[in-house]
C-alpha atoms as a PDB file:
ATOM      1  CA  MET A   1     -81.548   4.998  19.499  1.00  0.00           C
ATOM      2  CA  SER A   2     -79.733   3.275  16.598  1.00  0.00           C
ATOM      3  CA  SER A   3     -80.962   5.624  13.872  1.00  0.00           C
ATOM      4  CA  ALA A   4     -78.468   4.679  11.158  1.00  0.00           C
ATOM      5  CA  SER A   5     -79.798   3.399   7.842  1.00  0.00           C
ATOM      6  CA  SER A   6     -78.193  -0.034   8.286  1.00  0.00           C
ATOM      7  CA  GLN A   7     -80.512  -3.023   8.651  1.00  0.00           C
ATOM      8  CA  LEU A   8     -78.420  -4.130  11.647  1.00  0.00           C
ATOM      9  CA  ARG A   9     -80.237  -4.268  14.988  1.00  0.00           C
ATOM     10  CA  PHE A  10     -78.634  -4.863  18.389  1.00  0.00           C
ATOM     11  CA  TYR A  11     -80.660  -5.557  21.537  1.00  0.00           C
ATOM     12  CA  LEU A  12     -79.484  -5.661  25.141  1.00  0.00           C
ATOM     13  CA  ASP A  13     -80.698  -8.954  26.569  1.00  0.00           C
ATOM     14  CA  THR A  14     -81.438  -8.175  30.203  1.00  0.00           C
ATOM     15  CA  ALA A  15     -84.099  -6.835  32.543  1.00  0.00           C
ATOM     16  CA  ASP A  16     -81.439  -5.370  34.842  1.00  0.00           C
ATOM     17  CA  THR A  17     -82.053  -1.623  34.786  1.00  0.00           C
ATOM     18  CA  GLU A  18     -78.548  -0.896  36.107  1.00  0.00           C
ATOM     19  CA  GLN A  19     -77.157  -2.531  32.974  1.00  0.00           C
ATOM     20  CA  TRP A  20     -79.587  -0.454  30.924  1.00  0.00           C
ATOM     21  CA  LYS A  21     -78.146   2.700  32.521  1.00  0.00           C
ATOM     22  CA  ALA A  22     -74.623   1.542  31.735  1.00  0.00           C
ATOM     23  CA  TRP A  23     -75.158   0.529  28.109  1.00  0.00           C
ATOM     24  CA  LEU A  24     -78.216   2.062  26.491  1.00  0.00           C
ATOM     25  CA  PRO A  25     -76.750   5.597  26.358  1.00  0.00           C
ATOM     26  CA  SER A  26     -74.074   4.226  23.978  1.00  0.00           C
ATOM     27  CA  GLY A  27     -76.630   4.505  21.172  1.00  0.00           C
ATOM     28  CA  MET A  28     -75.717   1.117  19.688  1.00  0.00           C
ATOM     29  CA  PHE A  29     -78.899  -0.651  20.793  1.00  0.00           C
ATOM     30  CA  TYR A  30     -82.165  -0.747  18.855  1.00  0.00           C
ATOM     31  CA  GLY A  31     -83.998  -2.181  21.833  1.00  0.00           C
ATOM     32  CA  VAL A  32     -83.996  -4.524  24.813  1.00  0.00           C
ATOM     33  CA  THR A  33     -85.250  -8.085  25.117  1.00  0.00           C
ATOM     34  CA  SER A  34     -86.505  -9.933  28.163  1.00  0.00           C
ATOM     35  CA  ASN A  35     -88.250 -13.100  29.254  1.00  0.00           C
ATOM     36  CA  PRO A  36     -89.453 -14.518  32.590  1.00  0.00           C
ATOM     37  CA  LEU A  37     -86.020 -16.018  33.359  1.00  0.00           C
ATOM     38  CA  LEU A  38     -84.285 -12.685  32.791  1.00  0.00           C
ATOM     39  CA  LEU A  39     -86.878 -10.977  34.975  1.00  0.00           C
ATOM     40  CA  GLU A  40     -86.202 -13.524  37.699  1.00  0.00           C
ATOM     41  CA  ARG A  41     -82.432 -12.989  37.475  1.00  0.00           C
ATOM     42  CA  ALA A  42     -82.926  -9.231  37.774  1.00  0.00           C
ATOM     43  CA  ASN A  43     -85.322  -9.634  40.735  1.00  0.00           C
ATOM     44  CA  GLN A  44     -88.106  -8.087  38.678  1.00  0.00           C
ATOM     45  CA  PRO A  45     -91.693  -9.303  39.234  1.00  0.00           C
ATOM     46  CA  CYS A  46     -93.349 -10.844  36.194  1.00  0.00           C
ATOM     47  CA  ASN A  47     -96.602  -8.916  36.290  1.00  0.00           C
ATOM     48  CA  LEU A  48     -98.235  -6.337  34.070  1.00  0.00           C
ATOM     49  CA  SER A  49     -97.698  -3.407  36.413  1.00  0.00           C
ATOM     50  CA  ASN A  50     -93.968  -3.986  36.683  1.00  0.00           C
ATOM     51  CA  LEU A  51     -93.602  -4.706  32.969  1.00  0.00           C
ATOM     52  CA  THR A  52     -95.311  -1.401  32.221  1.00  0.00           C
ATOM     53  CA  GLY A  53     -92.808   0.418  34.408  1.00  0.00           C
ATOM     54  CA  LEU A  54     -89.871  -1.384  32.818  1.00  0.00           C
ATOM     55  CA  ALA A  55     -91.083  -0.589  29.312  1.00  0.00           C
ATOM     56  CA  THR A  56     -91.449   3.081  30.227  1.00  0.00           C
ATOM     57  CA  GLN A  57     -87.897   3.155  31.577  1.00  0.00           C
ATOM     58  CA  ALA A  58     -86.558   1.454  28.460  1.00  0.00           C
ATOM     59  CA  PHE A  59     -88.274   3.839  26.065  1.00  0.00           C
ATOM     60  CA  ASP A  60     -86.993   6.792  28.078  1.00  0.00           C
ATOM     61  CA  PHE A  61     -83.552   5.813  26.753  1.00  0.00           C
ATOM     62  CA  GLY A  62     -84.789   6.468  23.215  1.00  0.00           C
ATOM     63  CA  LEU A  63     -85.075   2.840  22.160  1.00  0.00           C
ATOM     64  CA  GLN A  64     -87.073   1.803  19.109  1.00  0.00           C
ATOM     65  CA  GLU A  65     -88.411  -1.447  20.548  1.00  0.00           C
ATOM     66  CA  VAL A  66     -88.882  -3.520  23.678  1.00  0.00           C
ATOM     67  CA  GLN A  67     -89.553  -7.255  23.519  1.00  0.00           C
ATOM     68  CA  ILE A  68     -91.531  -8.810  26.396  1.00  0.00           C
ATOM     69  CA  GLN A  69     -92.627 -12.439  26.679  1.00  0.00           C
ATOM     70  CA  THR A  70     -96.173 -13.536  27.413  1.00  0.00           C
ATOM     71  CA  TRP A  71     -96.868 -16.505  29.656  1.00  0.00           C
ATOM     72  CA  GLY A  72     -99.672 -18.909  30.518  1.00  0.00           C
ATOM     73  CA  ASN A  73    -100.829 -22.525  30.478  1.00  0.00           C
ATOM     74  CA  SER A  74    -103.351 -22.176  27.669  1.00  0.00           C
ATOM     75  CA  VAL A  75    -103.788 -20.404  24.361  1.00  0.00           C
ATOM     76  CA  ALA A  76    -106.312 -18.089  25.971  1.00  0.00           C
ATOM     77  CA  GLU A  77    -103.899 -17.079  28.743  1.00  0.00           C
ATOM     78  CA  LEU A  78    -101.044 -16.500  26.314  1.00  0.00           C
ATOM     79  CA  VAL A  79    -103.262 -14.354  24.090  1.00  0.00           C
ATOM     80  CA  GLU A  80    -104.829 -12.396  26.946  1.00  0.00           C
ATOM     81  CA  ARG A  81    -101.463 -11.539  28.505  1.00  0.00           C
ATOM     82  CA  GLY A  82     -99.967 -10.886  25.081  1.00  0.00           C
ATOM     83  CA  GLN A  83    -102.731  -8.392  24.353  1.00  0.00           C
ATOM     84  CA  ALA A  84    -102.179  -6.677  27.688  1.00  0.00           C
ATOM     85  CA  ILE A  85     -98.423  -6.467  27.093  1.00  0.00           C
ATOM     86  CA  ALA A  86     -98.917  -5.073  23.598  1.00  0.00           C
ATOM     87  CA  ALA A  87    -101.342  -2.469  24.943  1.00  0.00           C
ATOM     88  CA  ILE A  88     -98.577  -0.928  27.068  1.00  0.00           C
ATOM     89  CA  ASP A  89     -96.965   0.688  24.029  1.00  0.00           C
ATOM     90  CA  SER A  90     -97.145   0.290  20.252  1.00  0.00           C
ATOM     91  CA  ARG A  91     -93.365  -0.265  20.151  1.00  0.00           C
ATOM     92  CA  ILE A  92     -93.553  -3.504  22.140  1.00  0.00           C
ATOM     93  CA  VAL A  93     -93.052  -6.883  20.467  1.00  0.00           C
ATOM     94  CA  VAL A  94     -94.660  -9.850  22.239  1.00  0.00           C
ATOM     95  CA  LYS A  95     -92.499 -12.952  22.539  1.00  0.00           C
ATOM     96  CA  VAL A  96     -94.192 -16.352  22.396  1.00  0.00           C
ATOM     97  CA  PRO A  97     -92.542 -19.808  22.664  1.00  0.00           C
ATOM     98  CA  VAL A  98     -92.601 -21.791  19.406  1.00  0.00           C
ATOM     99  CA  THR A  99     -94.727 -24.663  20.770  1.00  0.00           C
ATOM    100  CA  GLN A 100     -97.995 -25.726  19.153  1.00  0.00           C
ATOM    101  CA  MET A 101     -99.893 -23.859  21.857  1.00  0.00           C
ATOM    102  CA  GLY A 102     -97.605 -20.854  21.559  1.00  0.00           C
ATOM    103  CA  THR A 103     -97.864 -20.816  17.790  1.00  0.00           C
ATOM    104  CA  THR A 104    -101.658 -20.895  17.992  1.00  0.00           C
ATOM    105  CA  ALA A 105    -101.579 -17.942  20.367  1.00  0.00           C
ATOM    106  CA  ALA A 106     -99.044 -16.132  18.188  1.00  0.00           C
ATOM    107  CA  ALA A 107    -101.280 -16.555  15.142  1.00  0.00           C
ATOM    108  CA  GLN A 108    -104.152 -14.901  16.996  1.00  0.00           C
ATOM    109  CA  LEU A 109    -101.976 -12.022  18.188  1.00  0.00           C
ATOM    110  CA  ILE A 110    -100.556 -11.462  14.700  1.00  0.00           C
ATOM    111  CA  ALA A 111    -104.091 -11.460  13.266  1.00  0.00           C
ATOM    112  CA  GLN A 112    -104.823  -8.571  15.624  1.00  0.00           C
ATOM    113  CA  GLY A 113    -101.853  -6.603  14.278  1.00  0.00           C
ATOM    114  CA  ILE A 114     -99.606  -7.283  17.268  1.00  0.00           C
ATOM    115  CA  PRO A 115     -95.930  -7.803  16.382  1.00  0.00           C
ATOM    116  CA  VAL A 116     -94.646 -11.156  17.600  1.00  0.00           C
ATOM    117  CA  THR A 117     -91.341 -12.923  18.130  1.00  0.00           C
ATOM    118  CA  LEU A 118     -91.472 -16.713  18.167  1.00  0.00           C
ATOM    119  CA  THR A 119     -88.813 -17.696  20.672  1.00  0.00           C
ATOM    120  CA  ALA A 120     -86.860 -20.749  21.897  1.00  0.00           C
ATOM    121  CA  LEU A 121     -85.975 -22.119  18.438  1.00  0.00           C
ATOM    122  CA  TYR A 122     -83.506 -24.997  18.226  1.00  0.00           C
ATOM    123  CA  ALA A 123     -84.117 -26.415  14.731  1.00  0.00           C
ATOM    124  CA  VAL A 124     -84.061 -24.937  11.245  1.00  0.00           C
ATOM    125  CA  HIS A 125     -87.613 -25.988  10.398  1.00  0.00           C
ATOM    126  CA  GLN A 126     -88.966 -23.992  13.344  1.00  0.00           C
ATOM    127  CA  ALA A 127     -87.965 -20.772  11.575  1.00  0.00           C
ATOM    128  CA  LEU A 128     -90.435 -21.636   8.822  1.00  0.00           C
ATOM    129  CA  ILE A 129     -93.256 -21.615  11.371  1.00  0.00           C
ATOM    130  CA  GLY A 130     -92.506 -17.965  11.975  1.00  0.00           C
ATOM    131  CA  ALA A 131     -92.364 -17.281   8.262  1.00  0.00           C
ATOM    132  CA  SER A 132     -95.714 -18.981   7.695  1.00  0.00           C
ATOM    133  CA  LEU A 133     -97.370 -16.859  10.398  1.00  0.00           C
ATOM    134  CA  GLY A 134     -95.740 -13.614   9.321  1.00  0.00           C
ATOM    135  CA  ALA A 135     -93.996 -13.190  12.664  1.00  0.00           C
ATOM    136  CA  HIS A 136     -91.713 -10.169  12.903  1.00  0.00           C
ATOM    137  CA  TYR A 137     -88.922 -12.264  14.428  1.00  0.00           C
ATOM    138  CA  VAL A 138     -87.860 -15.791  15.270  1.00  0.00           C
ATOM    139  CA  ALA A 139     -85.334 -16.191  18.082  1.00  0.00           C
ATOM    140  CA  PRO A 140     -83.037 -19.226  18.008  1.00  0.00           C
ATOM    141  CA  TYR A 141     -80.756 -19.949  20.983  1.00  0.00           C
ATOM    142  CA  LEU A 142     -77.274 -20.148  19.500  1.00  0.00           C
ATOM    143  CA  GLY A 143     -75.342 -21.159  22.603  1.00  0.00           C
ATOM    144  CA  ARG A 144     -77.892 -23.735  23.672  1.00  0.00           C
ATOM    145  CA  ILE A 145     -77.895 -25.258  20.192  1.00  0.00           C
ATOM    146  CA  ASN A 146     -74.140 -25.709  20.601  1.00  0.00           C
ATOM    147  CA  ASP A 147     -74.761 -27.313  24.000  1.00  0.00           C
ATOM    148  CA  LEU A 148     -76.784 -30.005  22.221  1.00  0.00           C
ATOM    149  CA  GLY A 149     -73.693 -30.942  20.227  1.00  0.00           C
ATOM    150  CA  GLN A 150     -74.798 -29.195  17.050  1.00  0.00           C
ATOM    151  CA  ASN A 151     -73.037 -26.502  15.054  1.00  0.00           C
ATOM    152  CA  GLY A 152     -75.026 -23.460  16.101  1.00  0.00           C
ATOM    153  CA  ARG A 153     -73.467 -21.113  13.584  1.00  0.00           C
ATOM    154  CA  GLU A 154     -74.243 -23.348  10.646  1.00  0.00           C
ATOM    155  CA  THR A 155     -77.749 -24.055  11.963  1.00  0.00           C
ATOM    156  CA  LEU A 156     -78.515 -20.337  12.046  1.00  0.00           C
ATOM    157  CA  ALA A 157     -76.891 -19.701   8.677  1.00  0.00           C
ATOM    158  CA  THR A 158     -79.141 -22.429   7.231  1.00  0.00           C
ATOM    159  CA  MET A 159     -82.156 -20.801   8.895  1.00  0.00           C
ATOM    160  CA  GLN A 160     -81.305 -17.555   7.135  1.00  0.00           C
ATOM    161  CA  ARG A 161     -80.951 -19.297   3.777  1.00  0.00           C
ATOM    162  CA  ALA A 162     -84.324 -20.971   4.332  1.00  0.00           C
ATOM    163  CA  LEU A 163     -86.065 -17.678   5.098  1.00  0.00           C
ATOM    164  CA  THR A 164     -84.373 -16.002   2.161  1.00  0.00           C
ATOM    165  CA  GLY A 165     -85.378 -18.928  -0.035  1.00  0.00           C
ATOM    166  CA  VAL A 166     -89.065 -18.419   0.711  1.00  0.00           C
ATOM    167  CA  GLU A 167     -88.708 -14.631   0.478  1.00  0.00           C
ATOM    168  CA  SER A 168     -89.802 -14.171   4.082  1.00  0.00           C
ATOM    169  CA  GLN A 169     -89.448 -10.800   5.813  1.00  0.00           C
ATOM    170  CA  THR A 170     -89.183 -12.511   9.211  1.00  0.00           C
ATOM    171  CA  ARG A 171     -85.949 -11.560  10.955  1.00  0.00           C
ATOM    172  CA  ILE A 172     -83.784 -14.040  12.832  1.00  0.00           C
ATOM    173  CA  LEU A 173     -83.143 -12.580  16.281  1.00  0.00           C
ATOM    174  CA  VAL A 174     -80.014 -14.412  17.388  1.00  0.00           C
ATOM    175  CA  ALA A 175     -80.108 -15.089  21.147  1.00  0.00           C
ATOM    176  CA  SER A 176     -77.916 -16.991  23.622  1.00  0.00           C
ATOM    177  CA  ILE A 177     -74.730 -15.452  22.224  1.00  0.00           C
ATOM    178  CA  ARG A 178     -71.703 -16.419  24.301  1.00  0.00           C
ATOM    179  CA  THR A 179     -68.783 -15.122  22.254  1.00  0.00           C
ATOM    180  CA  ILE A 180     -68.312 -11.907  20.322  1.00  0.00           C
ATOM    181  CA  GLY A 181     -66.999 -13.844  17.317  1.00  0.00           C
ATOM    182  CA  ASP A 182     -70.431 -15.313  16.645  1.00  0.00           C
ATOM    183  CA  ILE A 183     -71.827 -11.916  15.689  1.00  0.00           C
ATOM    184  CA  PRO A 184     -69.502 -10.964  12.800  1.00  0.00           C
ATOM    185  CA  PHE A 185     -69.529 -14.559  11.568  1.00  0.00           C
ATOM    186  CA  LEU A 186     -73.315 -14.647  11.347  1.00  0.00           C
ATOM    187  CA  ALA A 187     -73.457 -11.084  10.004  1.00  0.00           C
ATOM    188  CA  SER A 188     -71.259 -12.255   7.130  1.00  0.00           C
ATOM    189  CA  ARG A 189     -73.913 -14.932   6.455  1.00  0.00           C
ATOM    190  CA  GLY A 190     -76.707 -12.377   6.171  1.00  0.00           C
ATOM    191  CA  LEU A 191     -78.090 -12.338   9.725  1.00  0.00           C
ATOM    192  CA  ASN A 192     -78.621  -8.819  10.996  1.00  0.00           C
ATOM    193  CA  THR A 193     -80.445  -8.961  14.341  1.00  0.00           C
ATOM    194  CA  PHE A 194     -78.723  -9.889  17.599  1.00  0.00           C
ATOM    195  CA  THR A 195     -79.554  -9.782  21.308  1.00  0.00           C
ATOM    196  CA  PHE A 196     -76.779 -10.157  23.838  1.00  0.00           C
ATOM    197  CA  SER A 197     -75.708  -9.539  27.409  1.00  0.00           C
ATOM    198  CA  ALA A 198     -73.694  -6.676  28.872  1.00  0.00           C
ATOM    199  CA  LYS A 199     -70.708  -9.034  28.927  1.00  0.00           C
ATOM    200  CA  ILE A 200     -70.813  -9.362  25.141  1.00  0.00           C
ATOM    201  CA  ALA A 201     -71.316  -5.592  24.844  1.00  0.00           C
ATOM    202  CA  GLU A 202     -68.085  -5.122  26.787  1.00  0.00           C
ATOM    203  CA  GLU A 203     -66.260  -7.395  24.354  1.00  0.00           C
ATOM    204  CA  PHE A 204     -67.115  -5.035  21.493  1.00  0.00           C
ATOM    205  CA  PHE A 205     -64.765  -2.530  23.099  1.00  0.00           C
ATOM    206  CA  SER A 206     -62.109  -4.916  24.463  1.00  0.00           C
ATOM    207  CA  VAL A 207     -59.570  -4.379  21.679  1.00  0.00           C
ATOM    208  CA  ASP A 208     -56.137  -3.756  23.176  1.00  0.00           C
ATOM    209  CA  ALA A 209     -54.737  -2.055  20.095  1.00  0.00           C
ATOM    210  CA  THR A 210     -57.592   0.457  20.099  1.00  0.00           C
ATOM    211  CA  GLN A 211     -57.082   1.180  23.787  1.00  0.00           C
ATOM    212  CA  GLN A 212     -53.372   1.738  23.210  1.00  0.00           C
ATOM    213  CA  ALA A 213     -53.977   3.997  20.221  1.00  0.00           C
ATOM    214  CA  THR A 214     -56.442   6.045  22.261  1.00  0.00           C
ATOM    215  CA  GLN A 215     -53.903   6.465  25.049  1.00  0.00           C
ATOM    216  CA  ASP A 216     -51.313   7.564  22.490  1.00  0.00           C
ATOM    217  CA  PHE A 217     -53.733  10.117  21.024  1.00  0.00           C
ATOM    218  CA  GLU A 218     -54.486  11.519  24.473  1.00  0.00           C
ATOM    219  CA  ARG A 219     -50.790  11.700  25.416  1.00  0.00           C
ATOM    220  CA  ALA A 220     -50.033  13.576  22.189  1.00  0.00           C
ATOM    221  CA  ALA A 221     -52.976  15.944  22.718  1.00  0.00           C
ATOM    222  CA  GLN A 222     -51.922  16.719  26.278  1.00  0.00           C
ATOM    223  CA  GLY A 223     -48.363  17.332  25.077  1.00  0.00           C
ATOM    224  CA  ALA A 224     -49.572  19.738  22.403  1.00  0.00           C
ATOM    225  CA  VAL A 225     -51.669  21.619  24.957  1.00  0.00           C
ATOM    226  CA  ALA A 226     -48.707  21.932  27.296  1.00  0.00           C
ATOM    227  CA  ALA A 227     -46.439  23.148  24.495  1.00  0.00           C
ATOM    228  CA  SER A 228     -48.873  25.880  23.524  1.00  0.00           C
ATOM    229  CA  ALA A 229     -49.362  27.140  27.069  1.00  0.00           C
END
């Protein structure tokens, strides 16, 4: 959905179709993201047939994009599965880990016109790999960077400055978001693409003052209806 002219993109980071049903109709999401771990958590098989069905379900919600990760123990396997995933629908972005093997596979997929996200970034310089390849996205893990004792927010803000500095069109897809406050902070630093769980989606609407104001509006409306009866 998400048809506004803003450059902001939100993704729901889950393969749980029940969470899709709960949140995708809100219209705030540009797409969904997944990886083999998220498939495992949602009890979804990691095979082409099931991924095809999931992608179809996701696009039925009117999404602009679905991101699905390739897998394999060689460049050839990563490329072959990436090609098969991309063939499901032209709106699919293939995720590839930012290892040397993954980067080699990503370069081949990009050369074939397949949009790619380099994923599992932990260091600023890794974002420049994506920029050099012309990847559509690079996906750093904010929360896990914090777990390593680093300042995740500042790391990602520096990534954005680096990409801006080389005039790259590669987007930073912020993943592993654990608190709602990370999103407006990073948005104020120029980052505009975020993937997050249903829990974070809930926090967007957990503003007590707004809930109270809404209750007051409804009470007043009901009173006005009763008075006019």
